[in-house]
Amino acid sequence: MLRKTISAIVASATLALSAQSAQALEELSVAYFLEWPMPALASKVDGTYEAELGMPVKWRSFETGTAMSAAMASGDVHIALSQGLPPFVVAASSGLDLQVVDVAVSYSENDNCVVPGKLGIDKSNASELAGKRVAVPLGTAAHYGFLRQMNHFGVDISTLNVVDMPPPDGAIALAQGAVDFACGYGGGLTRMKESGKVLLTGSEKEDLGILVFDVTSVPTEFAQKHPEILAKFLKVTAAANDRWNSGVGSKGMLEVIAKESGMDLEAAEASIATMKFPSREEQLTGKWFGGGIQTFMKGVADVFVEAGSIDESLDSYAGATNPVPLIGAN
């Protein structure tokens, strides 16, 4: 299913992006996630993006990063504010001409797999998950984490009945007993935890090299045709992150962020507490754009190839990253 979806995206990408580039940009279309509290949402509400860009900004909510890729391929979306790295890698590996231009958020604690206590399975006997039914949003960060965790626990993926579900649906299926365990992120993961516990903590996953972060991505042609617009967008995003990270006015920001992300204040506070927003300066170091992102993308792609989710990986993902707009966002 994933291969067919990506193939359809790639088949229409060239024509769609060419049509997009032929038109003057009168409105910016931005993809984002609901139930995903980010400082940028405060700037969305107060009109800072529109004031800085000098044009209307249309915000479109999505449930998965793969859907964001499809929207960028069709020309319906110009910028994906917080796309999971794995769905970006899947699209780029399949030929879709996209670029990472920013690290939106790092969240090892906010992406995981949950197992109900009634199964009696935890990290000490996780090999017993073999043969179970699991809800996983395919092609996403949660899918990558699921594959890595199953490999760590020695669970043969071919023995599992994997059902493609966005996190909110996976949480419902888990609560109803329609699946044995589920993987997801954001608000969906929060509700999954009401039905069970995670197999590994965020720190334990990081110790295994399972990093989890989202990127801001754009079609390459958009970055080439509208570099100033992109740099201004990233500037506003960086300023919102800096304000949040400084703690100045964070309480007032949180109330706005919670409402805009469709969450109650308590849930938004708990979720954003597990998230880190790297500064512009940090992103331009070796950990991220200076080599870290490119190396990690190659590792993600190779895992997906081994799992049979994509046919092949690129020799290098250096061409899929572009720090120039971020450098210009000062």
Protein backbone atom coordinates (compact mmCIF):
# COMPACT_ATOMS: atom_id res chain seq x y z
CA MET A 1 0.00 0.00 0.00
CA LEU A 2 2.80 2.43 0.93
CA ARG A 3 4.69 1.76 -2.30
CA LYS A 4 1.56 2.33 -4.41
CA THR A 5 0.80 5.57 -2.59
CA ILE A 6 4.29 6.97 -3.06
CA SER A 7 4.37 5.87 -6.70
CA ALA A 8 1.17 7.80 -7.34
CA ILE A 9 2.65 10.85 -5.64
CA VAL A 10 5.83 10.76 -7.70
CA ALA A 11 3.96 10.21 -10.97
CA SER A 12 2.08 13.48 -10.56
CA ALA A 13 4.85 15.49 -8.92
CA THR A 14 6.67 16.90 -11.93
CA LEU A 15 3.56 18.22 -13.66
CA ALA A 16 2.04 19.57 -10.46
CA LEU A 17 5.17 21.37 -9.30
CA SER A 18 5.74 22.84 -12.76
CA ALA A 19 2.22 24.23 -12.74
CA GLN A 20 2.83 25.67 -9.28
CA SER A 21 6.03 27.44 -10.36
CA ALA A 22 4.29 29.01 -13.35
CA GLN A 23 1.92 30.96 -11.12
CA ALA A 24 2.67 34.06 -9.07
CA LEU A 25 2.40 33.38 -5.36
CA GLU A 26 -0.49 35.32 -3.87
CA GLU A 27 -1.13 33.11 -0.85
CA LEU A 28 1.13 30.77 1.12
CA SER A 29 -0.24 27.32 1.95
CA VAL A 30 1.23 25.66 5.05
CA ALA A 31 0.67 22.12 6.33
CA TYR A 32 0.64 21.40 10.06
CA PHE A 33 -0.64 18.85 12.58
CA LEU A 34 -3.50 19.29 15.01
CA GLU A 35 -2.83 17.99 18.54
CA TRP A 36 0.81 18.94 17.97
CA PRO A 37 1.53 22.00 20.16
CA MET A 38 4.29 24.16 18.69
CA PRO A 39 5.41 27.74 19.46
CA ALA A 40 4.81 28.64 15.80
CA LEU A 41 1.07 28.33 16.38
CA ALA A 42 1.19 31.44 18.56
CA SER A 43 2.61 33.37 15.60
CA LYS A 44 -0.06 31.81 13.41
CA VAL A 45 -2.76 33.25 15.64
CA ASP A 46 -1.34 36.75 16.16
CA GLY A 47 -0.76 37.27 12.43
CA THR A 48 3.04 37.55 12.59
CA TYR A 49 3.51 35.25 9.60
CA GLU A 50 1.18 37.26 7.40
CA ALA A 51 2.68 40.57 8.54
CA GLU A 52 6.24 39.41 7.85
CA LEU A 53 5.40 37.73 4.54
CA GLY A 54 3.06 40.42 3.28
CA MET A 55 0.48 37.90 2.09
CA PRO A 56 -2.31 35.68 3.41
CA VAL A 57 -1.26 32.32 4.89
CA LYS A 58 -3.61 29.37 4.55
CA TRP A 59 -3.03 26.70 7.22
CA ARG A 60 -4.12 23.14 6.43
CA SER A 61 -4.17 20.39 9.07
CA PHE A 62 -3.05 16.83 8.31
CA GLU A 63 -2.94 13.55 10.20
CA THR A 64 0.24 12.07 8.67
CA GLY A 65 3.45 13.20 7.05
CA THR A 66 2.78 11.00 4.03
CA ALA A 67 -0.35 13.05 3.34
CA MET A 68 1.80 16.18 3.56
CA SER A 69 4.10 14.77 0.87
CA ALA A 70 1.10 14.14 -1.38
CA ALA A 71 -0.15 17.68 -0.83
CA MET A 72 3.23 19.17 -1.71
CA ALA A 73 3.40 16.97 -4.81
CA SER A 74 -0.01 18.18 -5.97
CA GLY A 75 0.91 21.82 -5.38
CA ASP A 76 -1.76 22.25 -2.70
CA VAL A 77 0.86 22.93 -0.02
CA HIS A 78 4.03 25.02 -0.26
CA ILE A 79 5.54 24.33 3.18
CA ALA A 80 5.13 21.44 5.61
CA LEU A 81 5.87 22.96 9.01
CA SER A 82 6.48 19.78 10.99
CA GLN A 83 6.75 16.72 8.76
CA GLY A 84 8.16 13.57 10.32
CA LEU A 85 11.59 12.75 8.94
CA PRO A 86 10.69 9.16 7.93
CA PRO A 87 7.81 10.18 5.61
CA PHE A 88 10.11 12.79 4.11
CA VAL A 89 12.76 10.10 3.53
CA VAL A 90 10.20 7.76 1.96
CA ALA A 91 9.12 10.47 -0.49
CA ALA A 92 12.65 11.62 -1.31
CA SER A 93 13.83 8.01 -1.78
CA SER A 94 11.03 7.46 -4.26
CA GLY A 95 11.98 10.44 -6.40
CA LEU A 96 9.87 13.29 -5.04
CA ASP A 97 12.01 16.45 -5.20
CA LEU A 98 11.70 17.83 -1.67
CA GLN A 99 14.17 19.53 0.67
CA VAL A 100 14.60 19.75 4.43
CA VAL A 101 15.04 23.43 5.32
CA ASP A 102 14.60 23.40 9.11
CA VAL A 103 14.48 21.09 12.13
CA ALA A 104 11.01 21.74 13.50
CA VAL A 105 11.06 19.70 16.71
CA SER A 106 12.81 16.81 18.46
CA TYR A 107 10.53 14.54 20.48
CA SER A 108 11.82 11.13 21.52
CA GLU A 109 9.26 10.96 24.33
CA ASN A 110 6.35 11.91 22.09
CA ASP A 111 6.51 9.04 19.61
CA ASN A 112 6.21 5.45 20.75
CA CYS A 113 4.50 2.06 20.82
CA VAL A 114 2.00 1.17 23.55
CA VAL A 115 1.09 -2.30 24.81
CA PRO A 116 -1.96 -2.97 27.06
CA GLY A 117 -1.14 -4.29 30.51
CA LYS A 118 -3.52 -7.22 30.03
CA LEU A 119 -1.08 -8.78 27.55
CA GLY A 120 1.56 -9.03 30.24
CA ILE A 121 4.22 -7.92 27.78
CA ASP A 122 6.92 -5.34 28.44
CA LYS A 123 10.53 -4.83 27.36
CA SER A 124 11.63 -7.91 29.31
CA ASN A 125 9.55 -10.26 27.15
CA ALA A 126 8.69 -8.13 24.11
CA SER A 127 9.59 -11.04 21.79
CA GLU A 128 6.13 -12.37 22.67
CA LEU A 129 4.62 -9.68 20.44
CA ALA A 130 5.29 -11.98 17.48
CA GLY A 131 2.04 -12.84 15.72
CA LYS A 132 0.14 -9.88 17.19
CA ARG A 133 -1.98 -7.26 15.43
CA VAL A 134 -0.58 -3.71 15.56
CA ALA A 135 -1.79 -0.29 14.42
CA VAL A 136 0.99 1.77 12.80
CA PRO A 137 0.80 4.92 10.63
CA LEU A 138 2.91 3.67 7.71
CA GLY A 139 5.73 5.78 6.36
CA THR A 140 5.88 8.00 9.46
CA ALA A 141 8.31 8.52 12.33
CA ALA A 142 6.20 6.10 14.36
CA HIS A 143 6.62 3.47 11.63
CA TYR A 144 10.40 3.88 11.70
CA GLY A 145 10.48 3.67 15.50
CA PHE A 146 8.27 0.59 15.39
CA LEU A 147 10.62 -1.15 12.94
CA ARG A 148 13.68 -0.31 15.01
CA GLN A 149 12.08 -1.43 18.26
CA MET A 150 10.86 -4.71 16.80
CA ASN A 151 14.34 -5.35 15.44
CA HIS A 152 15.82 -4.60 18.87
CA PHE A 153 13.43 -7.05 20.54
CA GLY A 154 13.95 -9.72 17.90
CA VAL A 155 10.37 -9.68 16.65
CA ASP A 156 10.06 -10.81 13.02
CA ILE A 157 7.96 -8.14 11.28
CA SER A 158 6.57 -10.74 8.86
CA THR A 159 4.78 -12.45 11.76
CA LEU A 160 2.86 -9.30 12.67
CA ASN A 161 -0.46 -8.17 11.26
CA VAL A 162 0.35 -4.50 10.63
CA VAL A 163 -2.68 -2.24 10.11
CA ASP A 164 -2.09 1.23 8.65
CA MET A 165 -3.83 3.71 10.97
CA PRO A 166 -3.23 7.36 11.88
CA PRO A 167 -2.54 7.74 15.64
CA PRO A 168 -6.05 8.94 16.62
CA ASP A 169 -7.61 5.88 14.97
CA GLY A 170 -4.92 3.62 16.40
CA ALA A 171 -5.75 4.86 19.89
CA ILE A 172 -9.42 4.02 19.39
CA ALA A 173 -8.60 0.58 18.00
CA LEU A 174 -6.34 -0.10 20.98
CA ALA A 175 -8.98 0.97 23.47
CA GLN A 176 -11.58 -1.25 21.76
CA GLY A 177 -9.25 -4.24 21.63
CA ALA A 178 -9.27 -4.29 17.82
CA VAL A 179 -5.44 -4.37 17.86
CA ASP A 180 -3.01 -5.87 20.35
CA PHE A 181 -0.73 -2.86 20.45
CA ALA A 182 -0.35 0.47 18.66
CA CYS A 183 2.28 3.03 17.71
CA GLY A 184 1.83 6.75 17.24
CA TYR A 185 2.63 10.29 18.33
CA GLY A 186 1.07 13.47 19.66
CA GLY A 187 -2.49 13.40 20.99
CA GLY A 188 -3.01 9.92 19.56
CA LEU A 189 -0.11 8.58 21.63
CA THR A 190 -1.43 10.35 24.72
CA ARG A 191 -4.74 8.49 24.36
CA MET A 192 -2.93 5.20 23.61
CA LYS A 193 -1.21 5.50 26.98
CA GLU A 194 -4.63 5.42 28.63
CA SER A 195 -4.82 1.80 27.44
CA GLY A 196 -1.30 0.67 28.31
CA LYS A 197 2.38 1.51 28.63
CA VAL A 198 5.28 2.19 26.28
CA LEU A 199 7.86 -0.51 25.61
CA LEU A 200 10.85 1.85 25.84
CA THR A 201 11.25 5.36 27.20
CA GLY A 202 12.50 8.17 24.99
CA SER A 203 15.93 8.01 26.63
CA GLU A 204 16.11 4.25 26.11
CA LYS A 205 15.27 4.72 22.44
CA GLU A 206 17.92 7.39 22.02
CA ASP A 207 20.49 5.03 23.60
CA LEU A 208 19.65 2.63 20.74
CA GLY A 209 20.11 5.40 18.18
CA ILE A 210 16.37 5.81 17.58
CA LEU A 211 16.09 9.57 17.17
CA VAL A 212 12.73 11.18 16.54
CA PHE A 213 12.41 14.61 14.98
CA ASP A 214 10.28 16.50 12.49
CA VAL A 215 11.50 18.81 9.76
CA THR A 216 10.16 21.74 7.84
CA SER A 217 10.12 20.63 4.23
CA VAL A 218 9.35 22.21 0.87
CA PRO A 219 9.36 21.27 -2.81
CA THR A 220 12.82 22.06 -4.18
CA GLU A 221 11.33 24.23 -6.90
CA PHE A 222 9.48 26.33 -4.32
CA ALA A 223 12.75 26.96 -2.46
CA GLN A 224 14.41 28.00 -5.70
CA LYS A 225 11.59 30.25 -6.88
CA HIS A 226 10.70 31.87 -3.53
CA PRO A 227 13.87 31.99 -1.37
CA GLU A 228 12.96 35.27 0.34
CA ILE A 229 9.48 34.08 1.29
CA LEU A 230 10.91 30.86 2.69
CA ALA A 231 13.62 32.67 4.68
CA LYS A 232 11.01 35.03 6.17
CA PHE A 233 8.79 32.10 7.12
CA LEU A 234 11.69 30.37 8.89
CA LYS A 235 12.62 33.64 10.61
CA VAL A 236 9.17 33.92 12.19
CA THR A 237 9.27 30.26 13.21
CA ALA A 238 12.71 30.65 14.78
CA ALA A 239 11.62 33.75 16.69
CA ALA A 240 8.62 31.89 18.12
CA ASN A 241 10.86 29.00 19.17
CA ASP A 242 13.36 31.37 20.77
CA ARG A 243 10.60 33.08 22.71
CA TRP A 244 9.28 29.75 23.96
CA ASN A 245 12.74 28.44 24.85
CA SER A 246 13.53 31.63 26.80
CA GLY A 247 10.46 31.17 28.99
CA VAL A 248 9.41 34.78 28.43
CA GLY A 249 5.65 34.84 28.04
CA SER A 250 5.50 31.05 27.73
CA LYS A 251 2.38 30.78 29.90
CA GLY A 252 0.43 33.10 27.63
CA MET A 253 1.83 31.34 24.57
CA LEU A 254 0.77 27.95 25.92
CA GLU A 255 -2.87 28.99 26.23
CA VAL A 256 -2.91 30.11 22.61
CA ILE A 257 -0.95 27.07 21.40
CA ALA A 258 -3.27 24.66 23.20
CA LYS A 259 -6.40 26.20 21.74
CA GLU A 260 -4.96 26.39 18.24
CA SER A 261 -3.78 22.76 18.31
CA GLY A 262 -7.20 21.55 19.46
CA MET A 263 -6.05 20.41 22.91
CA ASP A 264 -6.99 21.28 26.46
CA LEU A 265 -4.36 23.20 28.42
CA GLU A 266 -3.25 20.26 30.56
CA ALA A 267 -2.78 17.91 27.60
CA ALA A 268 -0.92 20.54 25.58
CA GLU A 269 1.38 21.30 28.51
CA ALA A 270 2.18 17.61 29.01
CA SER A 271 2.83 17.12 25.30
CA ILE A 272 5.01 20.17 24.70
CA ALA A 273 7.06 19.32 27.78
CA THR A 274 8.41 16.31 25.85
CA MET A 275 9.38 18.44 22.83
CA LYS A 276 12.57 20.35 22.08
CA PHE A 277 12.81 23.17 19.54
CA PRO A 278 16.41 23.59 18.32
CA SER A 279 17.51 27.17 17.77
CA ARG A 280 18.60 28.39 14.36
CA GLU A 281 22.22 28.45 15.55
CA GLU A 282 22.07 24.88 16.89
CA GLN A 283 20.56 23.61 13.65
CA LEU A 284 23.53 24.90 11.67
CA THR A 285 25.97 22.75 13.65
CA GLY A 286 27.27 19.28 12.81
CA LYS A 287 24.52 17.65 14.88
CA TRP A 288 21.93 18.75 12.34
CA PHE A 289 22.58 20.41 8.98
CA GLY A 290 26.33 19.97 9.27
CA GLY A 291 26.03 16.25 8.55
CA GLY A 292 23.79 14.74 11.22
CA ILE A 293 20.52 15.00 9.30
CA GLN A 294 21.97 13.60 6.10
CA THR A 295 23.56 10.63 7.85
CA PHE A 296 20.42 9.86 9.81
CA MET A 297 18.23 10.03 6.70
CA LYS A 298 20.40 7.41 5.03
CA GLY A 299 20.01 5.17 8.08
CA VAL A 300 16.22 5.60 8.08
CA ALA A 301 16.02 4.81 4.37
CA ASP A 302 18.10 1.66 4.76
CA VAL A 303 15.80 0.43 7.55
CA PHE A 304 12.77 0.96 5.31
CA VAL A 305 14.47 -0.89 2.44
CA GLU A 306 15.24 -3.83 4.72
CA ALA A 307 11.62 -3.87 5.91
CA GLY A 308 10.36 -3.84 2.32
CA SER A 309 8.58 -0.49 2.69
CA ILE A 310 10.53 1.14 -0.15
CA ASP A 311 12.46 -0.36 -3.05
CA GLU A 312 15.79 1.38 -2.55
CA SER A 313 17.53 4.22 -0.77
CA LEU A 314 19.55 7.03 -2.29
CA ASP A 315 23.34 6.83 -2.22
CA SER A 316 23.35 10.14 -0.35
CA TYR A 317 20.74 12.50 1.09
CA ALA A 318 22.93 15.60 0.97
CA GLY A 319 20.86 16.92 -1.93
CA ALA A 320 17.69 16.57 0.11
CA THR A 321 18.79 19.20 2.63
CA ASN A 322 19.12 22.94 2.09
CA PRO A 323 20.36 25.16 4.95
CA VAL A 324 20.51 28.32 2.81
CA PRO A 325 16.98 29.58 3.73
CA LEU A 326 17.72 29.04 7.43
CA ILE A 327 21.02 30.89 7.11
CA GLY A 328 19.10 33.75 5.53
CA ALA A 329 16.50 33.77 8.33
CA ASN A 330 18.30 36.35 10.47
